[in-house]
Amino acid sequence: MTALPDDMKNILRRWNSSALDDIERARESRPAGVHLTGTAGSGKSELHRELSGSGGVEFTDSVADAAVVMIVVDASAPVGRVEIEQWRAALESTPVVFVVNKIDVHRHWREVSTANSDLVAEYVPRAVECTFHSVSVRLARMGRESDDAATVAESGLGAVADRIGTLLVQATLLGSQRKYAAAVQDCVAGARASIVARARAVTGGGDTAPVRARRAELVRERENLAGDRRALLHNRIQRVRVESLHAAAEDLRVLGVDVRQAIDGARRAELEHLPAHFIDSLHGVRSRADAVLTAGFRSAEHDLGLTGTPTQSTVADSTLDIEPPSRRRGIEDAIMIVVGASAGVGLGRLVVSPMALVPAWAVANTVITLVLGGALAWWLTRSRALVADRVHLRGWTQECLARVKSAVEQRLLSRILEAESALAAAVATADREAAARIDAALAEVDVELRTLADQRSSLLSACDRDLSALERGLDRFRGPDRGAVVLREPADLSQAPAEPFDLSVRPSQ
């Protein structure tokens, strides 16, 4: 037998691990016997009994160990591609006797036999040897039972037995070699299929698809790196500006309402302590505004993905320059005293006017008028002074609120400008670092893609070399006996009349 080349062995070992074992088993095999198979209802069992009864034919259950394979089909219709595929292994490794049974029942058995032979020649081009025989097992049984040699000869079963005997004799010389060659070709076909599948998987780009997807993601991240973060920074800074200014204005408005209510209901002693309390409240408003702004900066840093950005203000934390309210007495206070005194005297005289009718109370009337008038004048003067102080304090608080609001807004806007500059610088730095990281990752991906491309080229070259080596090695096993020998019909039946039997067509038993 032809030995396998060393390079062919190595290729089969890489691409088909069990190939060498299968080839070795086929080389050491010693085919013997006949394996019988076929379609359901074709008369396999009856044919087995007839051939076993005639003697000289030994049957086996293993296709791999059989020297001859007998396939029995019904003459009613040709077989299909599914059945041919089931018998492919036997056709490519072992001589086959294809028996078309029940020709005594079906008129078109010749067309069926021709169609079966054409189908085998078309779909199994590597068939070892296949001969087709049209028989009637029922006629053979009837002739044997009635001892009618003509009927037995007419059944065609004798030609089948002779062909099996010839093939069994040939199997002694060619059986192992044919199975060996068939095993080599089958293993080479499996290795070739694995090589082609691997080459197609590589050329399809399946191994580089994840790497290319990663590269596309990195490129998209690189393109959107600057615009997205800058737009987000502008959005967050504007939001912090609006929220902080609104919070400070609302806090000052609430403080102004509370102070006005306190001034309207305050007495003279309370008015003296109210300015100090108001100044402390203004300091609290500024502290709360700074706290709100700092919280907004921290939130913006978190949204931008930054840490440790110096957003604290470098503006000096100066105290609010608010002086306590001072009031100078002017001509209006003197006028108020004179008007109050005259009003008090007039009210006193009006009260004691009924007592003037009594002459004895004249002196008392004058004294009472002076006392009562002085008391009313003092009360009116004090009340008018309290009202004036409230008006003056109310104006002072409004002026202080306006000054503090302007100072707080200026401080907040200054801090926002500084923080925006710091955050923009941090974003630019982070973008440069991210761009450098992405560029490094892209360089690694490109190197990986080039490596995969080189590996793909090397693998495809190796696949081509392996296929060429398999083809060269397979040429040693393509001898003349490997051709598909498909005999249509034995010579003694080819000269039969159009209808081979004088009997009428009868159903088979």
Protein backbone atom coordinates (compact mmCIF):
# COMPACT_ATOMS: atom_id res chain seq x y z
CA MET A 1 0.00 0.00 0.00
CA THR A 2 1.00 3.56 -0.67
CA ALA A 3 2.48 5.20 2.40
CA LEU A 4 1.39 8.65 3.57
CA PRO A 5 3.98 11.40 3.08
CA ASP A 6 5.35 12.95 6.27
CA ASP A 7 4.03 16.43 5.47
CA MET A 8 0.59 14.97 4.80
CA LYS A 9 0.67 13.20 8.16
CA ASN A 10 1.54 16.42 9.94
CA ILE A 11 -1.27 18.30 8.20
CA LEU A 12 -3.81 15.60 9.02
CA ARG A 13 -2.63 15.54 12.63
CA ARG A 14 -3.16 19.32 12.93
CA TRP A 15 -6.52 19.60 11.18
CA ASN A 16 -8.12 16.19 11.85
CA SER A 17 -6.86 14.64 15.06
CA SER A 18 -8.46 11.23 14.56
CA ALA A 19 -7.50 10.93 10.86
CA LEU A 20 -4.31 8.93 11.29
CA ASP A 21 -6.02 6.41 13.58
CA ASP A 22 -8.86 5.93 11.07
CA ILE A 23 -6.39 5.51 8.21
CA GLU A 24 -4.36 2.98 10.19
CA ARG A 25 -7.47 0.94 11.02
CA ALA A 26 -8.46 0.95 7.34
CA ARG A 27 -4.93 -0.15 6.30
CA GLU A 28 -4.94 -3.07 8.71
CA SER A 29 -8.50 -4.13 7.88
CA ARG A 30 -9.20 -7.40 6.08
CA PRO A 31 -12.61 -7.04 4.41
CA ALA A 32 -14.78 -10.15 4.24
CA GLY A 33 -18.44 -10.91 3.79
CA VAL A 34 -21.43 -9.01 2.40
CA HIS A 35 -23.27 -6.22 4.16
CA LEU A 36 -26.94 -6.01 3.17
CA THR A 37 -28.86 -2.75 3.40
CA GLY A 38 -31.56 -0.87 1.49
CA THR A 39 -34.87 0.90 1.69
CA ALA A 40 -37.85 -0.20 3.72
CA GLY A 41 -40.23 -2.58 1.92
CA SER A 42 -37.73 -3.42 -0.81
CA GLY A 43 -37.51 -7.16 0.05
CA LYS A 44 -34.17 -7.17 1.88
CA SER A 45 -35.11 -10.01 4.21
CA GLU A 46 -36.39 -12.21 1.36
CA LEU A 47 -33.22 -11.58 -0.65
CA HIS A 48 -31.12 -12.42 2.41
CA ARG A 49 -32.91 -15.75 2.77
CA GLU A 50 -32.50 -16.62 -0.91
CA LEU A 51 -28.77 -15.84 -0.99
CA SER A 52 -28.15 -17.57 2.34
CA GLY A 53 -30.02 -20.63 1.12
CA SER A 54 -28.01 -20.88 -2.07
CA GLY A 55 -24.79 -21.00 -0.02
CA GLY A 56 -21.44 -19.39 -0.63
CA VAL A 57 -22.46 -15.92 0.65
CA GLU A 58 -21.49 -14.83 4.15
CA PHE A 59 -23.18 -11.73 5.53
CA THR A 60 -21.77 -9.23 8.04
CA ASP A 61 -23.35 -6.43 10.06
CA SER A 62 -20.40 -4.02 9.74
CA VAL A 63 -19.94 -1.87 6.70
CA ALA A 64 -16.31 -1.15 7.60
CA ASP A 65 -15.43 -4.87 7.66
CA ALA A 66 -17.52 -5.90 4.63
CA ALA A 67 -15.88 -6.79 1.31
CA VAL A 68 -19.08 -6.14 -0.63
CA VAL A 69 -22.10 -3.96 0.13
CA MET A 70 -25.47 -4.91 -1.33
CA ILE A 71 -28.09 -2.14 -1.54
CA VAL A 72 -31.66 -3.27 -2.22
CA VAL A 73 -34.28 -0.78 -3.46
CA ASP A 74 -37.80 -1.02 -4.80
CA ALA A 75 -38.45 -0.78 -8.54
CA SER A 76 -41.50 1.42 -7.97
CA ALA A 77 -39.56 4.73 -7.92
CA PRO A 78 -35.97 5.99 -7.88
CA VAL A 79 -34.27 6.68 -4.59
CA GLY A 80 -33.57 10.25 -3.46
CA ARG A 81 -30.50 12.25 -2.53
CA VAL A 82 -31.08 11.60 1.18
CA GLU A 83 -30.67 7.83 0.68
CA ILE A 84 -27.62 8.33 -1.55
CA GLU A 85 -25.99 10.47 1.16
CA GLN A 86 -26.63 7.70 3.70
CA TRP A 87 -24.81 5.21 1.47
CA ARG A 88 -21.97 7.56 0.42
CA ALA A 89 -19.41 6.09 2.83
CA ALA A 90 -20.06 2.57 1.57
CA LEU A 91 -19.99 3.64 -2.10
CA GLU A 92 -16.64 5.41 -1.68
CA SER A 93 -14.88 2.59 0.19
CA THR A 94 -16.40 -0.74 -0.88
CA PRO A 95 -17.67 -2.34 -4.12
CA VAL A 96 -21.45 -2.07 -4.20
CA VAL A 97 -24.06 -4.30 -5.80
CA PHE A 98 -27.13 -2.11 -6.33
CA VAL A 99 -30.19 -4.38 -6.59
CA VAL A 100 -33.50 -3.08 -7.99
CA ASN A 101 -36.07 -5.60 -6.74
CA LYS A 102 -39.69 -6.36 -7.78
CA ILE A 103 -39.28 -5.89 -11.52
CA ASP A 104 -42.09 -8.40 -11.94
CA VAL A 105 -44.53 -5.93 -10.38
CA HIS A 106 -43.52 -2.56 -11.82
CA ARG A 107 -43.45 -1.96 -15.59
CA HIS A 108 -41.02 1.00 -15.54
CA TRP A 109 -38.23 -0.75 -13.70
CA ARG A 110 -35.70 0.07 -16.48
CA GLU A 111 -36.31 3.85 -16.08
CA VAL A 112 -36.02 3.46 -12.31
CA SER A 113 -32.74 1.56 -12.60
CA THR A 114 -31.34 4.14 -15.04
CA ALA A 115 -32.37 7.02 -12.75
CA ASN A 116 -30.70 5.33 -9.76
CA SER A 117 -27.44 4.80 -11.65
CA ASP A 118 -27.45 8.41 -12.89
CA LEU A 119 -28.03 9.66 -9.37
CA VAL A 120 -25.11 7.63 -7.99
CA ALA A 121 -22.81 8.78 -10.79
CA GLU A 122 -23.77 12.43 -10.21
CA TYR A 123 -23.61 12.66 -6.42
CA VAL A 124 -20.93 10.06 -5.61
CA PRO A 125 -18.16 10.67 -8.17
CA ARG A 126 -15.62 8.86 -5.98
CA ALA A 127 -17.54 5.60 -5.85
CA VAL A 128 -15.22 2.56 -5.89
CA GLU A 129 -17.33 0.26 -8.04
CA CYS A 130 -21.09 0.04 -8.37
CA THR A 131 -23.06 -2.37 -10.56
CA PHE A 132 -26.82 -2.28 -10.98
CA HIS A 133 -28.95 -5.42 -11.19
CA SER A 134 -32.69 -5.66 -11.79
CA VAL A 135 -34.13 -8.77 -10.11
CA SER A 136 -37.28 -10.36 -8.81
CA VAL A 137 -36.68 -12.23 -5.56
CA ARG A 138 -40.24 -13.57 -5.65
CA LEU A 139 -39.64 -15.29 -9.01
CA ALA A 140 -36.40 -16.73 -7.72
CA ARG A 141 -38.17 -18.18 -4.71
CA MET A 142 -40.99 -19.56 -6.88
CA GLY A 143 -38.47 -21.12 -9.31
CA ARG A 144 -36.49 -22.66 -6.49
CA GLU A 145 -39.58 -24.10 -4.86
CA SER A 146 -40.88 -25.53 -8.19
CA ASP A 147 -37.38 -26.55 -9.35
CA ASP A 148 -37.83 -24.40 -12.46
CA ALA A 149 -34.37 -23.32 -13.66
CA ALA A 150 -35.82 -21.01 -16.34
CA THR A 151 -37.78 -19.03 -13.78
CA VAL A 152 -34.71 -18.77 -11.54
CA ALA A 153 -32.62 -17.55 -14.46
CA GLU A 154 -35.35 -15.12 -15.47
CA SER A 155 -35.38 -13.62 -11.96
CA GLY A 156 -31.82 -12.27 -12.41
CA LEU A 157 -30.71 -13.42 -8.96
CA GLY A 158 -28.04 -15.67 -10.43
CA ALA A 159 -26.20 -12.72 -11.95
CA VAL A 160 -26.25 -11.04 -8.54
CA ALA A 161 -24.74 -14.12 -6.90
CA ASP A 162 -22.07 -14.38 -9.61
CA ARG A 163 -21.18 -10.70 -9.22
CA ILE A 164 -20.91 -11.04 -5.47
CA GLY A 165 -18.63 -14.03 -5.88
CA THR A 166 -16.38 -12.13 -8.30
CA LEU A 167 -16.16 -9.15 -5.95
CA LEU A 168 -15.36 -11.39 -2.98
CA VAL A 169 -12.47 -12.87 -4.93
CA GLN A 170 -11.23 -9.37 -5.85
CA ALA A 171 -11.57 -8.25 -2.25
CA THR A 172 -8.73 -10.55 -1.27
CA LEU A 173 -6.35 -8.43 -3.38
CA LEU A 174 -7.99 -5.00 -3.49
CA GLY A 175 -10.33 -4.79 -0.49
CA SER A 176 -7.86 -3.43 2.05
CA GLN A 177 -6.28 -1.12 -0.49
CA ARG A 178 -9.63 0.33 -1.51
CA LYS A 179 -10.73 0.89 2.08
CA TYR A 180 -7.33 2.39 2.85
CA ALA A 181 -7.57 4.77 -0.11
CA ALA A 182 -11.16 5.64 0.79
CA ALA A 183 -10.17 6.36 4.40
CA VAL A 184 -7.33 8.59 3.19
CA GLN A 185 -9.62 10.52 0.88
CA ASP A 186 -12.31 10.86 3.54
CA CYS A 187 -9.80 12.12 6.14
CA VAL A 188 -8.26 14.48 3.61
CA ALA A 189 -11.74 15.82 2.79
CA GLY A 190 -12.37 16.45 6.48
CA ALA A 191 -9.02 18.21 6.89
CA ARG A 192 -9.67 20.26 3.75
CA ALA A 193 -13.07 21.31 5.08
CA SER A 194 -11.47 22.40 8.37
CA ILE A 195 -8.79 24.39 6.53
CA VAL A 196 -11.33 26.11 4.28
CA ALA A 197 -13.60 26.90 7.24
CA ARG A 198 -10.66 28.39 9.14
CA ALA A 199 -9.61 30.47 6.11
CA ARG A 200 -13.15 31.74 5.60
CA ALA A 201 -13.44 32.66 9.29
CA VAL A 202 -10.20 34.63 9.03
CA THR A 203 -11.04 36.39 5.77
CA GLY A 204 -14.50 37.23 7.09
CA GLY A 205 -12.94 39.48 9.72
CA GLY A 206 -14.55 37.75 12.67
CA ASP A 207 -11.30 37.80 14.65
CA THR A 208 -10.80 41.54 14.11
CA ALA A 209 -14.42 42.63 14.61
CA PRO A 210 -14.07 43.29 18.39
CA VAL A 211 -10.81 45.18 17.86
CA ARG A 212 -12.30 47.31 15.08
CA ALA A 213 -15.36 48.05 17.21
CA ARG A 214 -13.09 49.15 20.05
CA ARG A 215 -11.12 51.39 17.66
CA ALA A 216 -14.32 52.99 16.35
CA GLU A 217 -15.43 53.66 19.93
CA LEU A 218 -12.09 55.29 20.76
CA VAL A 219 -12.24 57.47 17.64
CA ARG A 220 -15.78 58.55 18.49
CA GLU A 221 -14.70 59.38 22.06
CA ARG A 222 -11.72 61.33 20.71
CA GLU A 223 -13.93 63.40 18.38
CA ASN A 224 -16.51 64.21 21.07
CA LEU A 225 -13.97 64.84 23.80
CA ALA A 226 -13.64 68.66 23.76
CA GLY A 227 -17.09 69.81 22.67
CA ASP A 228 -19.12 67.82 25.17
CA ARG A 229 -17.13 68.82 28.25
CA ARG A 230 -16.97 72.51 27.33
CA ALA A 231 -20.68 72.67 26.63
CA LEU A 232 -21.33 70.91 29.94
CA LEU A 233 -19.03 73.35 31.74
CA HIS A 234 -20.86 76.37 30.28
CA ASN A 235 -24.22 74.87 31.23
CA ARG A 236 -23.20 74.12 34.81
CA ILE A 237 -21.60 77.54 35.37
CA GLN A 238 -24.69 79.33 34.11
CA ARG A 239 -26.86 77.21 36.35
CA VAL A 240 -24.66 77.96 39.38
CA ARG A 241 -24.78 81.70 38.58
CA VAL A 242 -28.56 81.77 38.35
CA GLU A 243 -29.13 79.64 41.44
CA SER A 244 -26.65 81.48 43.66
CA LEU A 245 -27.83 84.98 42.69
CA HIS A 246 -31.45 83.98 43.10
CA ALA A 247 -30.78 82.43 46.52
CA ALA A 248 -28.93 85.57 47.73
CA ALA A 249 -31.67 87.90 46.45
CA GLU A 250 -34.38 85.81 48.05
CA ASP A 251 -32.49 85.73 51.35
CA LEU A 252 -32.12 89.52 51.32
CA ARG A 253 -35.78 90.00 50.45
CA VAL A 254 -36.88 87.84 53.38
CA LEU A 255 -34.50 89.74 55.67
CA GLY A 256 -35.92 93.09 54.50
CA VAL A 257 -39.50 91.97 55.19
CA ASP A 258 -38.58 90.75 58.66
CA VAL A 259 -36.73 94.00 59.48
CA ARG A 260 -39.62 96.18 58.34
CA GLN A 261 -42.04 94.22 60.48
CA ALA A 262 -39.69 94.46 63.43
CA ILE A 263 -39.29 98.26 62.97
CA ASP A 264 -43.05 98.80 62.71
CA GLY A 265 -43.68 97.09 66.04
CA ALA A 266 -40.51 98.11 67.89
CA ARG A 267 -40.42 100.46 70.84
CA ARG A 268 -37.73 103.05 71.50
CA ALA A 269 -35.59 100.64 73.55
CA GLU A 270 -35.89 97.93 70.89
CA LEU A 271 -34.92 100.36 68.16
CA GLU A 272 -31.56 100.88 69.85
CA HIS A 273 -30.63 97.15 69.54
CA LEU A 274 -32.18 96.54 66.12
CA PRO A 275 -29.28 97.92 63.97
CA ALA A 276 -26.71 95.55 65.54
CA HIS A 277 -28.99 92.58 65.01
CA PHE A 278 -29.60 93.67 61.44
CA ILE A 279 -25.86 93.93 60.73
CA ASP A 280 -25.33 90.38 62.04
CA SER A 281 -28.13 89.15 59.80
CA LEU A 282 -26.46 90.76 56.78
CA HIS A 283 -23.23 88.90 57.55
CA GLY A 284 -25.25 85.69 57.75
CA VAL A 285 -26.78 86.40 54.32
CA ARG A 286 -23.34 86.74 52.77
CA SER A 287 -22.10 83.53 54.44
CA ARG A 288 -25.12 81.59 53.20
CA ALA A 289 -24.61 82.94 49.68
CA ASP A 290 -20.98 81.77 49.76
CA ALA A 291 -22.07 78.33 50.99
CA VAL A 292 -24.67 77.98 48.21
CA LEU A 293 -22.08 78.97 45.61
CA THR A 294 -19.51 76.52 46.97
CA ALA A 295 -22.06 73.69 46.86
CA GLY A 296 -22.86 74.58 43.25
CA PHE A 297 -19.15 74.44 42.36
CA ARG A 298 -18.82 71.00 43.95
CA SER A 299 -21.81 69.74 41.99
CA ALA A 300 -20.34 71.13 38.76
CA GLU A 301 -17.01 69.44 39.49
CA HIS A 302 -18.80 66.13 40.04
CA ASP A 303 -20.76 66.46 36.78
CA LEU A 304 -17.56 67.27 34.88
CA GLY A 305 -15.71 64.37 36.43
CA LEU A 306 -13.09 66.61 38.07
CA THR A 307 -11.57 66.29 41.51
CA GLY A 308 -9.48 68.68 43.56
CA THR A 309 -10.16 71.74 41.41
CA PRO A 310 -9.32 74.97 43.34
CA THR A 311 -12.67 76.75 43.19
CA GLN A 312 -12.21 78.69 46.42
CA SER A 313 -12.30 82.44 45.96
CA THR A 314 -9.12 84.48 46.12
CA VAL A 315 -11.16 87.66 46.78
CA ALA A 316 -10.38 89.13 50.21
CA ASP A 317 -13.04 88.24 52.76
CA SER A 318 -13.59 91.84 53.86
CA THR A 319 -16.16 92.76 56.47
CA LEU A 320 -19.27 94.63 55.50
CA ASP A 321 -18.65 98.37 56.01
CA ILE A 322 -21.97 99.22 57.64
CA GLU A 323 -22.11 102.05 60.18
CA PRO A 324 -24.85 102.27 62.79
CA PRO A 325 -27.55 104.79 61.95
CA SER A 326 -26.89 108.36 63.20
CA ARG A 327 -29.42 111.16 63.33
CA ARG A 328 -28.74 114.88 63.76
CA ARG A 329 -31.38 117.11 65.29
CA GLY A 330 -32.38 119.93 62.98
CA ILE A 331 -34.89 122.73 62.62
CA GLU A 332 -37.66 120.20 62.06
CA ASP A 333 -37.15 118.86 65.58
CA ALA A 334 -37.43 122.39 67.03
CA ILE A 335 -40.56 123.01 65.00
CA MET A 336 -41.94 119.70 66.21
CA ILE A 337 -41.31 120.73 69.83
CA VAL A 338 -42.98 124.11 69.37
CA VAL A 339 -45.91 122.58 67.52
CA GLY A 340 -46.20 119.86 70.14
CA ALA A 341 -46.13 122.37 73.00
CA SER A 342 -48.71 124.61 71.44
CA ALA A 343 -50.87 121.59 70.62
CA GLY A 344 -50.51 120.35 74.18
CA VAL A 345 -51.47 123.75 75.64
CA GLY A 346 -54.41 123.96 73.30
CA LEU A 347 -55.61 120.49 74.25
CA GLY A 348 -55.14 121.36 77.96
CA ARG A 349 -57.22 124.50 77.66
CA LEU A 350 -59.86 122.58 75.74
CA VAL A 351 -60.05 119.98 78.50
CA VAL A 352 -60.34 122.54 81.39
CA SER A 353 -62.54 124.98 79.48
CA PRO A 354 -65.70 123.81 81.34
CA MET A 355 -64.03 124.70 84.66
CA ALA A 356 -63.68 128.36 83.58
CA LEU A 357 -67.39 128.88 84.35
CA VAL A 358 -66.64 128.54 88.08
CA PRO A 359 -64.84 131.70 89.33
CA ALA A 360 -63.45 129.95 92.36
CA TRP A 361 -61.46 127.58 90.09
CA ALA A 362 -59.72 130.33 88.13
CA VAL A 363 -56.33 129.80 89.75
CA ALA A 364 -56.69 126.01 89.64
CA ASN A 365 -57.77 126.22 86.03
CA THR A 366 -54.56 127.95 85.04
CA VAL A 367 -52.36 125.47 86.89
CA ILE A 368 -54.21 122.46 85.51
CA THR A 369 -54.02 123.89 82.01
CA LEU A 370 -50.26 124.36 82.28
CA VAL A 371 -49.65 120.89 83.73
CA LEU A 372 -51.92 119.10 81.32
CA GLY A 373 -50.61 121.05 78.38
CA GLY A 374 -47.00 120.23 79.32
CA ALA A 375 -47.77 116.51 79.67
CA LEU A 376 -49.54 116.38 76.30
CA ALA A 377 -46.76 118.37 74.70
CA TRP A 378 -44.16 115.92 76.08
CA TRP A 379 -46.14 112.88 74.83
CA LEU A 380 -46.65 114.31 71.39
CA THR A 381 -42.99 115.19 71.15
CA ARG A 382 -41.89 111.69 72.18
CA SER A 383 -44.37 109.98 69.83
CA ARG A 384 -43.35 112.19 66.95
CA ALA A 385 -39.70 111.47 67.69
CA LEU A 386 -40.36 107.67 67.74
CA VAL A 387 -42.12 107.86 64.38
CA ALA A 388 -39.25 109.90 62.99
CA ASP A 389 -36.73 107.38 64.33
CA ARG A 390 -38.64 104.49 62.72
CA VAL A 391 -38.74 106.29 59.40
CA HIS A 392 -35.05 107.04 59.63
CA LEU A 393 -34.21 103.40 60.59
CA ARG A 394 -36.42 102.05 57.81
CA GLY A 395 -34.58 104.17 55.28
CA TRP A 396 -31.23 103.10 56.72
CA THR A 397 -32.14 99.40 56.43
CA GLN A 398 -33.23 99.83 52.80
CA GLU A 399 -29.95 101.54 52.02
CA CYS A 400 -27.99 98.79 53.79
CA LEU A 401 -29.91 96.06 51.95
CA ALA A 402 -29.14 97.71 48.62
CA ARG A 403 -25.44 98.06 49.48
CA VAL A 404 -25.18 94.51 50.79
CA LYS A 405 -27.03 93.11 47.76
CA SER A 406 -24.63 94.86 45.44
CA ALA A 407 -21.62 93.70 47.46
CA VAL A 408 -22.88 90.08 47.63
CA GLU A 409 -23.63 89.98 43.90
CA GLN A 410 -20.21 91.41 43.12
CA ARG A 411 -18.55 88.84 45.36
CA LEU A 412 -20.55 85.97 43.87
CA LEU A 413 -19.84 87.03 40.29
CA SER A 414 -16.14 87.43 41.07
CA ARG A 415 -16.02 83.95 42.55
CA ILE A 416 -17.94 82.55 39.58
CA LEU A 417 -15.50 84.10 37.12
CA GLU A 418 -12.53 82.72 39.03
CA ALA A 419 -14.13 79.29 39.35
CA GLU A 420 -15.05 79.24 35.65
CA SER A 421 -11.43 79.99 34.72
CA ALA A 422 -10.18 77.28 37.10
CA LEU A 423 -12.70 74.72 35.86
CA ALA A 424 -11.96 75.56 32.21
CA ALA A 425 -8.25 75.06 32.87
CA ALA A 426 -8.98 71.77 34.68
CA VAL A 427 -11.21 70.61 31.82
CA ALA A 428 -8.53 71.50 29.28
CA THR A 429 -5.95 69.58 31.29
CA ALA A 430 -8.27 66.60 31.69
CA ASP A 431 -9.04 66.70 27.96
CA ARG A 432 -5.34 66.71 27.10
CA GLU A 433 -4.75 63.78 29.41
CA ALA A 434 -7.76 61.93 28.02
CA ALA A 435 -6.63 62.68 24.44
CA ALA A 436 -3.18 61.36 25.24
CA ARG A 437 -4.69 58.25 26.80
CA ILE A 438 -6.99 57.70 23.81
CA ASP A 439 -4.13 58.23 21.37
CA ALA A 440 -2.06 55.66 23.23
CA ALA A 441 -4.99 53.23 23.19
CA LEU A 442 -5.49 53.86 19.46
CA ALA A 443 -1.83 53.18 18.83
CA GLU A 444 -2.13 49.88 20.72
CA VAL A 445 -5.26 48.95 18.77
CA ASP A 446 -3.54 49.78 15.47
CA VAL A 447 -0.58 47.61 16.44
CA GLU A 448 -2.98 44.81 17.34
CA LEU A 449 -4.79 45.19 14.01
CA ARG A 450 -1.50 45.06 12.11
CA THR A 451 -0.47 42.01 14.09
CA LEU A 452 -3.79 40.32 13.31
CA ALA A 453 -3.41 41.23 9.65
CA ASP A 454 0.07 39.69 9.57
CA GLN A 455 -1.24 36.61 11.36
CA ARG A 456 -4.14 36.40 8.92
CA SER A 457 -1.77 36.60 5.97
CA SER A 458 0.50 33.98 7.50
CA LEU A 459 -2.46 31.74 8.30
CA LEU A 460 -3.88 32.03 4.78
CA SER A 461 -0.47 31.23 3.33
CA ALA A 462 -0.20 28.24 5.65
CA CYS A 463 -3.69 27.11 4.63
CA ASP A 464 -2.72 27.34 0.96
CA ARG A 465 0.44 25.33 1.60
CA ASP A 466 -1.50 22.70 3.55
CA LEU A 467 -4.12 22.41 0.81
CA SER A 468 -1.43 22.06 -1.83
CA ALA A 469 0.39 19.43 0.24
CA LEU A 470 -2.86 17.49 0.74
CA GLU A 471 -3.57 17.64 -2.98
CA ARG A 472 -0.08 16.39 -3.85
CA GLY A 473 -0.33 13.60 -1.32
CA LEU A 474 -3.81 12.65 -2.50
CA ASP A 475 -2.55 12.14 -6.07
CA ARG A 476 -0.83 8.94 -4.93
CA PHE A 477 -4.19 7.42 -4.05
CA ARG A 478 -5.92 8.19 -7.35
CA GLY A 479 -5.32 5.01 -9.28
CA PRO A 480 -7.38 3.53 -12.07
CA ASP A 481 -9.42 1.47 -9.62
CA ARG A 482 -10.59 4.67 -7.91
CA GLY A 483 -12.79 5.63 -10.83
CA ALA A 484 -16.50 5.23 -10.43
CA VAL A 485 -17.37 1.97 -12.23
CA VAL A 486 -21.11 2.17 -12.77
CA LEU A 487 -22.46 -0.72 -14.80
CA ARG A 488 -25.98 -0.19 -15.99
CA GLU A 489 -27.08 -3.79 -16.41
CA PRO A 490 -25.53 -7.25 -16.76
CA ALA A 491 -25.05 -8.42 -20.36
CA ASP A 492 -27.46 -11.31 -20.19
CA LEU A 493 -30.38 -9.02 -19.19
CA SER A 494 -29.68 -6.16 -21.58
CA GLN A 495 -31.04 -8.21 -24.57
CA ALA A 496 -34.36 -9.02 -22.89
CA PRO A 497 -37.58 -7.97 -24.59
CA ALA A 498 -39.49 -4.84 -23.62
CA GLU A 499 -41.59 -6.81 -21.21
CA PRO A 500 -39.30 -9.48 -19.66
CA PHE A 501 -42.03 -11.81 -18.56
CA ASP A 502 -44.80 -13.60 -20.40
CA LEU A 503 -46.80 -13.57 -17.25
CA SER A 504 -49.13 -10.73 -16.43
CA VAL A 505 -48.05 -8.12 -13.89
CA ARG A 506 -48.81 -9.47 -10.42
CA PRO A 507 -48.37 -7.88 -7.02
CA SER A 508 -45.45 -9.21 -4.97
CA GLN A 509 -46.07 -11.37 -1.99
